[in-house]
Amino acid sequence: MNISPKRLEEIQNIPDIAIDTSDIPELDDHFWENAKMVNPITKKSISIRLDSDILDWFKSQGKGYQSIINNVLRTYVNHQQNKT
């Protein structure tokens, strides 16, 4: 989701007291009983050859296109692993 700089500034200037958090439950000790530390998967920098039109399409999606490529590949891998 792209938020314009003007809208982002408006949101940042809303005082905390004006934000309705009534639908957000409080995090009590029970919440943390089953919490687990999750370390992010490390990424490796590689060189990969892609068809130029494929790369152009991903780049046209804007900032973070490399993460989008990674997510597409992860979805494919997960699907293949679940087939067995």
PDB file of N, CA and C in Angstrom:
ATOM      1  N   MET A   1       0.851  -1.166   0.000  1.00  0.00           N
ATOM      2  CA  MET A   1       0.000   0.000   0.000  1.00  0.00           C
ATOM      3  C   MET A   1       0.904   1.238   0.000  1.00  0.00           C
ATOM      4  N   ASN A   2       0.650   2.144  -0.917  1.00  0.00           N
ATOM      5  CA  ASN A   2       1.421   3.380  -0.974  1.00  0.00           C
ATOM      6  C   ASN A   2       0.644   4.499  -0.300  1.00  0.00           C
ATOM      7  N   ILE A   3       1.294   5.161   0.629  1.00  0.00           N
ATOM      8  CA  ILE A   3       0.692   6.287   1.335  1.00  0.00           C
ATOM      9  C   ILE A   3       1.449   7.539   0.922  1.00  0.00           C
ATOM     10  N   SER A   4       0.720   8.560   0.545  1.00  0.00           N
ATOM     11  CA  SER A   4       1.371   9.792   0.117  1.00  0.00           C
ATOM     12  C   SER A   4       2.093  10.430   1.304  1.00  0.00           C
ATOM     13  N   PRO A   5       3.169  11.149   1.030  1.00  0.00           N
ATOM     14  CA  PRO A   5       3.886  11.815   2.118  1.00  0.00           C
ATOM     15  C   PRO A   5       2.987  12.735   2.940  1.00  0.00           C
ATOM     16  N   LYS A   6       2.035  13.399   2.270  1.00  0.00           N
ATOM     17  CA  LYS A   6       1.120  14.290   2.979  1.00  0.00           C
ATOM     18  C   LYS A   6       0.248  13.503   3.959  1.00  0.00           C
ATOM     19  N   ARG A   7      -0.307  12.364   3.498  1.00  0.00           N
ATOM     20  CA  ARG A   7      -1.157  11.547   4.358  1.00  0.00           C
ATOM     21  C   ARG A   7      -0.349  10.952   5.508  1.00  0.00           C
ATOM     22  N   LEU A   8       0.884  10.527   5.224  1.00  0.00           N
ATOM     23  CA  LEU A   8       1.748   9.988   6.258  1.00  0.00           C
ATOM     24  C   LEU A   8       2.012  11.027   7.342  1.00  0.00           C
ATOM     25  N   GLU A   9       2.237  12.262   6.932  1.00  0.00           N
ATOM     26  CA  GLU A   9       2.447  13.346   7.897  1.00  0.00           C
ATOM     27  C   GLU A   9       1.186  13.580   8.735  1.00  0.00           C
ATOM     28  N   GLU A  10       0.013  13.539   8.081  1.00  0.00           N
ATOM     29  CA  GLU A  10      -1.249  13.701   8.815  1.00  0.00           C
ATOM     30  C   GLU A  10      -1.397  12.611   9.878  1.00  0.00           C
ATOM     31  N   ILE A  11      -1.097  11.379   9.488  1.00  0.00           N
ATOM     32  CA  ILE A  11      -1.223  10.249  10.416  1.00  0.00           C
ATOM     33  C   ILE A  11      -0.248  10.405  11.578  1.00  0.00           C
ATOM     34  N   GLN A  12       0.985  10.809  11.275  1.00  0.00           N
ATOM     35  CA  GLN A  12       1.997  10.956  12.316  1.00  0.00           C
ATOM     36  C   GLN A  12       1.644  12.071  13.292  1.00  0.00           C
ATOM     37  N   ASN A  13       0.842  13.026  12.870  1.00  0.00           N
ATOM     38  CA  ASN A  13       0.492  14.154  13.721  1.00  0.00           C
ATOM     39  C   ASN A  13      -0.793  13.931  14.532  1.00  0.00           C
ATOM     40  N   ILE A  14      -1.413  12.756  14.401  1.00  0.00           N
ATOM     41  CA  ILE A  14      -2.596  12.461  15.212  1.00  0.00           C
ATOM     42  C   ILE A  14      -2.117  12.196  16.640  1.00  0.00           C
ATOM     43  N   PRO A  15      -2.661  12.908  17.620  1.00  0.00           N
ATOM     44  CA  PRO A  15      -2.242  12.645  19.000  1.00  0.00           C
ATOM     45  C   PRO A  15      -2.681  11.243  19.440  1.00  0.00           C
ATOM     46  N   ASP A  16      -1.869  10.603  20.273  1.00  0.00           N
ATOM     47  CA  ASP A  16      -2.183   9.245  20.728  1.00  0.00           C
ATOM     48  C   ASP A  16      -3.570   9.160  21.348  1.00  0.00           C
ATOM     49  N   ILE A  17      -3.972  10.163  22.065  1.00  0.00           N
ATOM     50  CA  ILE A  17      -5.261  10.163  22.762  1.00  0.00           C
ATOM     51  C   ILE A  17      -6.432  10.102  21.772  1.00  0.00           C
ATOM     52  N   ALA A  18      -6.201  10.523  20.521  1.00  0.00           N
ATOM     53  CA  ALA A  18      -7.261  10.561  19.517  1.00  0.00           C
ATOM     54  C   ALA A  18      -7.391   9.242  18.749  1.00  0.00           C
ATOM     55  N   ILE A  19      -6.502   8.288  19.017  1.00  0.00           N
ATOM     56  CA  ILE A  19      -6.532   7.013  18.311  1.00  0.00           C
ATOM     57  C   ILE A  19      -7.406   6.032  19.077  1.00  0.00           C
ATOM     58  N   ASP A  20      -8.416   5.492  18.403  1.00  0.00           N
ATOM     59  CA  ASP A  20      -9.340   4.536  19.029  1.00  0.00           C
ATOM     60  C   ASP A  20      -8.705   3.146  19.030  1.00  0.00           C
ATOM     61  N   THR A  21      -8.328   2.665  20.195  1.00  0.00           N
ATOM     62  CA  THR A  21      -7.738   1.336  20.329  1.00  0.00           C
ATOM     63  C   THR A  21      -8.676   0.370  21.045  1.00  0.00           C
ATOM     64  N   SER A  22      -9.954   0.718  21.113  1.00  0.00           N
ATOM     65  CA  SER A  22     -10.908  -0.091  21.880  1.00  0.00           C
ATOM     66  C   SER A  22     -11.078  -1.503  21.330  1.00  0.00           C
ATOM     67  N   ASP A  23     -10.770  -1.726  20.045  1.00  0.00           N
ATOM     68  CA  ASP A  23     -10.937  -3.062  19.478  1.00  0.00           C
ATOM     69  C   ASP A  23      -9.643  -3.882  19.516  1.00  0.00           C
ATOM     70  N   ILE A  24      -8.616  -3.366  20.181  1.00  0.00           N
ATOM     71  CA  ILE A  24      -7.343  -4.069  20.297  1.00  0.00           C
ATOM     72  C   ILE A  24      -7.222  -4.617  21.719  1.00  0.00           C
ATOM     73  N   PRO A  25      -7.132  -5.938  21.869  1.00  0.00           N
ATOM     74  CA  PRO A  25      -7.038  -6.486  23.225  1.00  0.00           C
ATOM     75  C   PRO A  25      -5.700  -6.135  23.874  1.00  0.00           C
ATOM     76  N   GLU A  26      -5.729  -6.008  25.192  1.00  0.00           N
ATOM     77  CA  GLU A  26      -4.505  -5.766  25.945  1.00  0.00           C
ATOM     78  C   GLU A  26      -3.644  -7.025  25.915  1.00  0.00           C
ATOM     79  N   LEU A  27      -2.333  -6.841  25.871  1.00  0.00           N
ATOM     80  CA  LEU A  27      -1.423  -7.977  25.923  1.00  0.00           C
ATOM     81  C   LEU A  27      -1.058  -8.226  27.379  1.00  0.00           C
ATOM     82  N   ASP A  28      -1.588  -9.322  27.907  1.00  0.00           N
ATOM     83  CA  ASP A  28      -1.304  -9.659  29.299  1.00  0.00           C
ATOM     84  C   ASP A  28      -0.244 -10.760  29.360  1.00  0.00           C
ATOM     85  N   ASP A  29       0.058 -11.231  30.572  1.00  0.00           N
ATOM     86  CA  ASP A  29       1.071 -12.274  30.733  1.00  0.00           C
ATOM     87  C   ASP A  29       0.694 -13.556  29.996  1.00  0.00           C
ATOM     88  N   HIS A  30      -0.597 -13.851  29.890  1.00  0.00           N
ATOM     89  CA  HIS A  30      -1.050 -15.052  29.189  1.00  0.00           C
ATOM     90  C   HIS A  30      -0.611 -15.015  27.714  1.00  0.00           C
ATOM     91  N   PHE A  31      -0.674 -13.847  27.105  1.00  0.00           N
ATOM     92  CA  PHE A  31      -0.263 -13.716  25.713  1.00  0.00           C
ATOM     93  C   PHE A  31       1.183 -14.169  25.525  1.00  0.00           C
ATOM     94  N   TRP A  32       2.040 -13.801  26.455  1.00  0.00           N
ATOM     95  CA  TRP A  32       3.471 -14.066  26.319  1.00  0.00           C
ATOM     96  C   TRP A  32       3.858 -15.492  26.708  1.00  0.00           C
ATOM     97  N   GLU A  33       2.951 -16.264  27.330  1.00  0.00           N
ATOM     98  CA  GLU A  33       3.275 -17.628  27.753  1.00  0.00           C
ATOM     99  C   GLU A  33       3.697 -18.518  26.590  1.00  0.00           C
ATOM    100  N   ASN A  34       3.075 -18.358  25.449  1.00  0.00           N
ATOM    101  CA  ASN A  34       3.372 -19.212  24.294  1.00  0.00           C
ATOM    102  C   ASN A  34       4.169 -18.488  23.206  1.00  0.00           C
ATOM    103  N   ALA A  35       4.640 -17.293  23.534  1.00  0.00           N
ATOM    104  CA  ALA A  35       5.409 -16.539  22.542  1.00  0.00           C
ATOM    105  C   ALA A  35       6.745 -17.231  22.287  1.00  0.00           C
ATOM    106  N   LYS A  36       7.181 -17.205  21.054  1.00  0.00           N
ATOM    107  CA  LYS A  36       8.452 -17.821  20.677  1.00  0.00           C
ATOM    108  C   LYS A  36       9.290 -16.808  19.916  1.00  0.00           C
ATOM    109  N   MET A  37      10.582 -16.836  20.161  1.00  0.00           N
ATOM    110  CA  MET A  37      11.507 -15.988  19.424  1.00  0.00           C
ATOM    111  C   MET A  37      11.662 -16.567  18.025  1.00  0.00           C
ATOM    112  N   VAL A  38      11.461 -15.758  17.025  1.00  0.00           N
ATOM    113  CA  VAL A  38      11.613 -16.188  15.638  1.00  0.00           C
ATOM    114  C   VAL A  38      12.722 -15.356  15.017  1.00  0.00           C
ATOM    115  N   ASN A  39      13.773 -16.046  14.623  1.00  0.00           N
ATOM    116  CA  ASN A  39      14.871 -15.359  13.957  1.00  0.00           C
ATOM    117  C   ASN A  39      14.593 -15.312  12.465  1.00  0.00           C
ATOM    118  N   PRO A  40      14.831 -14.159  11.848  1.00  0.00           N
ATOM    119  CA  PRO A  40      14.575 -14.063  10.409  1.00  0.00           C
ATOM    120  C   PRO A  40      15.537 -14.959   9.632  1.00  0.00           C
ATOM    121  N   ILE A  41      15.066 -15.426   8.503  1.00  0.00           N
ATOM    122  CA  ILE A  41      15.910 -16.223   7.620  1.00  0.00           C
ATOM    123  C   ILE A  41      16.934 -15.282   7.000  1.00  0.00           C
ATOM    124  N   THR A  42      18.191 -15.672   7.065  1.00  0.00           N
ATOM    125  CA  THR A  42      19.222 -14.817   6.481  1.00  0.00           C
ATOM    126  C   THR A  42      19.137 -14.892   4.962  1.00  0.00           C
ATOM    127  N   LYS A  43      19.451 -13.798   4.351  1.00  0.00           N
ATOM    128  CA  LYS A  43      19.426 -13.733   2.901  1.00  0.00           C
ATOM    129  C   LYS A  43      20.859 -13.729   2.381  1.00  0.00           C
ATOM    130  N   LYS A  44      21.041 -14.246   1.195  1.00  0.00           N
ATOM    131  CA  LYS A  44      22.349 -14.268   0.553  1.00  0.00           C
ATOM    132  C   LYS A  44      22.267 -13.443  -0.718  1.00  0.00           C
ATOM    133  N   SER A  45      23.300 -12.691  -0.954  1.00  0.00           N
ATOM    134  CA  SER A  45      23.387 -11.911  -2.179  1.00  0.00           C
ATOM    135  C   SER A  45      23.921 -12.814  -3.281  1.00  0.00           C
ATOM    136  N   ILE A  46      23.191 -12.873  -4.397  1.00  0.00           N
ATOM    137  CA  ILE A  46      23.612 -13.705  -5.520  1.00  0.00           C
ATOM    138  C   ILE A  46      23.465 -12.922  -6.817  1.00  0.00           C
ATOM    139  N   SER A  47      23.965 -13.505  -7.862  1.00  0.00           N
ATOM    140  CA  SER A  47      23.734 -12.975  -9.196  1.00  0.00           C
ATOM    141  C   SER A  47      22.847 -13.991  -9.910  1.00  0.00           C
ATOM    142  N   ILE A  48      21.783 -13.518 -10.521  1.00  0.00           N
ATOM    143  CA  ILE A  48      20.849 -14.417 -11.203  1.00  0.00           C
ATOM    144  C   ILE A  48      20.474 -13.799 -12.549  1.00  0.00           C
ATOM    145  N   ARG A  49      20.352 -14.637 -13.536  1.00  0.00           N
ATOM    146  CA  ARG A  49      19.943 -14.171 -14.856  1.00  0.00           C
ATOM    147  C   ARG A  49      18.442 -14.382 -15.008  1.00  0.00           C
ATOM    148  N   LEU A  50      17.760 -13.281 -15.323  1.00  0.00           N
ATOM    149  CA  LEU A  50      16.316 -13.329 -15.543  1.00  0.00           C
ATOM    150  C   LEU A  50      16.013 -12.757 -16.912  1.00  0.00           C
ATOM    151  N   ASP A  51      14.933 -13.213 -17.508  1.00  0.00           N
ATOM    152  CA  ASP A  51      14.502 -12.602 -18.766  1.00  0.00           C
ATOM    153  C   ASP A  51      14.240 -11.126 -18.504  1.00  0.00           C
ATOM    154  N   SER A  52      14.640 -10.278 -19.442  1.00  0.00           N
ATOM    155  CA  SER A  52      14.545  -8.831 -19.220  1.00  0.00           C
ATOM    156  C   SER A  52      13.112  -8.372 -18.978  1.00  0.00           C
ATOM    157  N   ASP A  53      12.142  -8.978 -19.677  1.00  0.00           N
ATOM    158  CA  ASP A  53      10.753  -8.552 -19.467  1.00  0.00           C
ATOM    159  C   ASP A  53      10.259  -8.940 -18.075  1.00  0.00           C
ATOM    160  N   ILE A  54      10.730 -10.064 -17.568  1.00  0.00           N
ATOM    161  CA  ILE A  54      10.352 -10.481 -16.217  1.00  0.00           C
ATOM    162  C   ILE A  54      10.908  -9.498 -15.198  1.00  0.00           C
ATOM    163  N   LEU A  55      12.203  -9.192 -15.321  1.00  0.00           N
ATOM    164  CA  LEU A  55      12.828  -8.247 -14.405  1.00  0.00           C
ATOM    165  C   LEU A  55      12.169  -6.879 -14.508  1.00  0.00           C
ATOM    166  N   ASP A  56      11.892  -6.433 -15.720  1.00  0.00           N
ATOM    167  CA  ASP A  56      11.232  -5.126 -15.901  1.00  0.00           C
ATOM    168  C   ASP A  56       9.881  -5.092 -15.192  1.00  0.00           C
ATOM    169  N   TRP A  57       9.125  -6.193 -15.276  1.00  0.00           N
ATOM    170  CA  TRP A  57       7.823  -6.221 -14.612  1.00  0.00           C
ATOM    171  C   TRP A  57       7.978  -6.102 -13.109  1.00  0.00           C
ATOM    172  N   PHE A  58       8.886  -6.887 -12.536  1.00  0.00           N
ATOM    173  CA  PHE A  58       9.079  -6.809 -11.088  1.00  0.00           C
ATOM    174  C   PHE A  58       9.548  -5.414 -10.682  1.00  0.00           C
ATOM    175  N   LYS A  59      10.458  -4.820 -11.438  1.00  0.00           N
ATOM    176  CA  LYS A  59      10.934  -3.468 -11.120  1.00  0.00           C
ATOM    177  C   LYS A  59       9.801  -2.459 -11.215  1.00  0.00           C
ATOM    178  N   SER A  60       8.854  -2.693 -12.115  1.00  0.00           N
ATOM    179  CA  SER A  60       7.736  -1.753 -12.283  1.00  0.00           C
ATOM    180  C   SER A  60       6.812  -1.772 -11.061  1.00  0.00           C
ATOM    181  N   GLN A  61       6.948  -2.780 -10.204  1.00  0.00           N
ATOM    182  CA  GLN A  61       6.124  -2.868  -8.997  1.00  0.00           C
ATOM    183  C   GLN A  61       6.605  -1.899  -7.925  1.00  0.00           C
ATOM    184  N   GLY A  62       7.770  -1.307  -8.157  1.00  0.00           N
ATOM    185  CA  GLY A  62       8.265  -0.288  -7.236  1.00  0.00           C
ATOM    186  C   GLY A  62       9.315  -0.816  -6.278  1.00  0.00           C
ATOM    187  N   LYS A  63       9.580   0.004  -5.277  1.00  0.00           N
ATOM    188  CA  LYS A  63      10.596  -0.328  -4.288  1.00  0.00           C
ATOM    189  C   LYS A  63      10.274  -1.668  -3.643  1.00  0.00           C
ATOM    190  N   GLY A  64      11.294  -2.465  -3.435  1.00  0.00           N
ATOM    191  CA  GLY A  64      11.101  -3.767  -2.817  1.00  0.00           C
ATOM    192  C   GLY A  64      10.862  -4.883  -3.825  1.00  0.00           C
ATOM    193  N   TYR A  65      11.158  -4.626  -5.088  1.00  0.00           N
ATOM    194  CA  TYR A  65      10.892  -5.638  -6.103  1.00  0.00           C
ATOM    195  C   TYR A  65      11.685  -6.917  -5.862  1.00  0.00           C
ATOM    196  N   GLN A  66      12.884  -6.800  -5.262  1.00  0.00           N
ATOM    197  CA  GLN A  66      13.671  -7.998  -4.978  1.00  0.00           C
ATOM    198  C   GLN A  66      12.982  -8.855  -3.909  1.00  0.00           C
ATOM    199  N   SER A  67      12.368  -8.211  -2.934  1.00  0.00           N
ATOM    200  CA  SER A  67      11.618  -8.947  -1.916  1.00  0.00           C
ATOM    201  C   SER A  67      10.403  -9.624  -2.531  1.00  0.00           C
ATOM    202  N   ILE A  68       9.789  -8.971  -3.510  1.00  0.00           N
ATOM    203  CA  ILE A  68       8.640  -9.583  -4.189  1.00  0.00           C
ATOM    204  C   ILE A  68       9.092 -10.832  -4.938  1.00  0.00           C
ATOM    205  N   ILE A  69      10.236 -10.748  -5.621  1.00  0.00           N
ATOM    206  CA  ILE A  69      10.770 -11.922  -6.314  1.00  0.00           C
ATOM    207  C   ILE A  69      11.023 -13.039  -5.305  1.00  0.00           C
ATOM    208  N   ASN A  70      11.618 -12.699  -4.166  1.00  0.00           N
ATOM    209  CA  ASN A  70      11.878 -13.688  -3.118  1.00  0.00           C
ATOM    210  C   ASN A  70      10.577 -14.327  -2.639  1.00  0.00           C
ATOM    211  N   ASN A  71       9.533 -13.519  -2.439  1.00  0.00           N
ATOM    212  CA  ASN A  71       8.252 -14.049  -1.976  1.00  0.00           C
ATOM    213  C   ASN A  71       7.615 -14.976  -3.001  1.00  0.00           C
ATOM    214  N   VAL A  72       7.744 -14.637  -4.280  1.00  0.00           N
ATOM    215  CA  VAL A  72       7.209 -15.504  -5.335  1.00  0.00           C
ATOM    216  C   VAL A  72       7.945 -16.845  -5.316  1.00  0.00           C
ATOM    217  N   LEU A  73       9.263 -16.793  -5.201  1.00  0.00           N
ATOM    218  CA  LEU A  73      10.050 -18.025  -5.157  1.00  0.00           C
ATOM    219  C   LEU A  73       9.731 -18.845  -3.906  1.00  0.00           C
ATOM    220  N   ARG A  74       9.547 -18.166  -2.767  1.00  0.00           N
ATOM    221  CA  ARG A  74       9.213 -18.872  -1.528  1.00  0.00           C
ATOM    222  C   ARG A  74       7.858 -19.575  -1.663  1.00  0.00           C
ATOM    223  N   THR A  75       6.881 -18.902  -2.249  1.00  0.00           N
ATOM    224  CA  THR A  75       5.563 -19.503  -2.456  1.00  0.00           C
ATOM    225  C   THR A  75       5.677 -20.743  -3.326  1.00  0.00           C
ATOM    226  N   TYR A  76       6.470 -20.665  -4.371  1.00  0.00           N
ATOM    227  CA  TYR A  76       6.674 -21.815  -5.257  1.00  0.00           C
ATOM    228  C   TYR A  76       7.325 -22.970  -4.501  1.00  0.00           C
ATOM    229  N   VAL A  77       8.392 -22.679  -3.747  1.00  0.00           N
ATOM    230  CA  VAL A  77       9.087 -23.716  -2.979  1.00  0.00           C
ATOM    231  C   VAL A  77       8.144 -24.353  -1.968  1.00  0.00           C
ATOM    232  N   ASN A  78       7.397 -23.542  -1.227  1.00  0.00           N
ATOM    233  CA  ASN A  78       6.459 -24.079  -0.237  1.00  0.00           C
ATOM    234  C   ASN A  78       5.429 -24.985  -0.897  1.00  0.00           C
ATOM    235  N   HIS A  79       4.941 -24.568  -2.051  1.00  0.00           N
ATOM    236  CA  HIS A  79       3.955 -25.378  -2.783  1.00  0.00           C
ATOM    237  C   HIS A  79       4.564 -26.717  -3.195  1.00  0.00           C
ATOM    238  N   GLN A  80       5.784 -26.677  -3.710  1.00  0.00           N
ATOM    239  CA  GLN A  80       6.455 -27.916  -4.144  1.00  0.00           C
ATOM    240  C   GLN A  80       6.708 -28.833  -2.953  1.00  0.00           C
ATOM    241  N   GLN A  81       7.100 -28.264  -1.824  1.00  0.00           N
ATOM    242  CA  GLN A  81       7.366 -29.079  -0.635  1.00  0.00           C
ATOM    243  C   GLN A  81       6.102 -29.711  -0.087  1.00  0.00           C
ATOM    244  N   ASN A  82       4.978 -29.024  -0.227  1.00  0.00           N
ATOM    245  CA  ASN A  82       3.711 -29.561   0.286  1.00  0.00           C
ATOM    246  C   ASN A  82       3.107 -30.625  -0.620  1.00  0.00           C
ATOM    247  N   LYS A  83       3.610 -30.750  -1.832  1.00  0.00           N
ATOM    248  CA  LYS A  83       3.093 -31.746  -2.771  1.00  0.00           C
ATOM    249  C   LYS A  83       3.558 -33.151  -2.406  1.00  0.00           C
ATOM    250  N   THR A  84       4.639 -33.241  -1.680  1.00  0.00           N
ATOM    251  CA  THR A  84       5.182 -34.576  -1.360  1.00  0.00           C
ATOM    252  C   THR A  84       4.583 -35.149  -0.110  1.00  0.00           C
TER     253      THR A  84
END
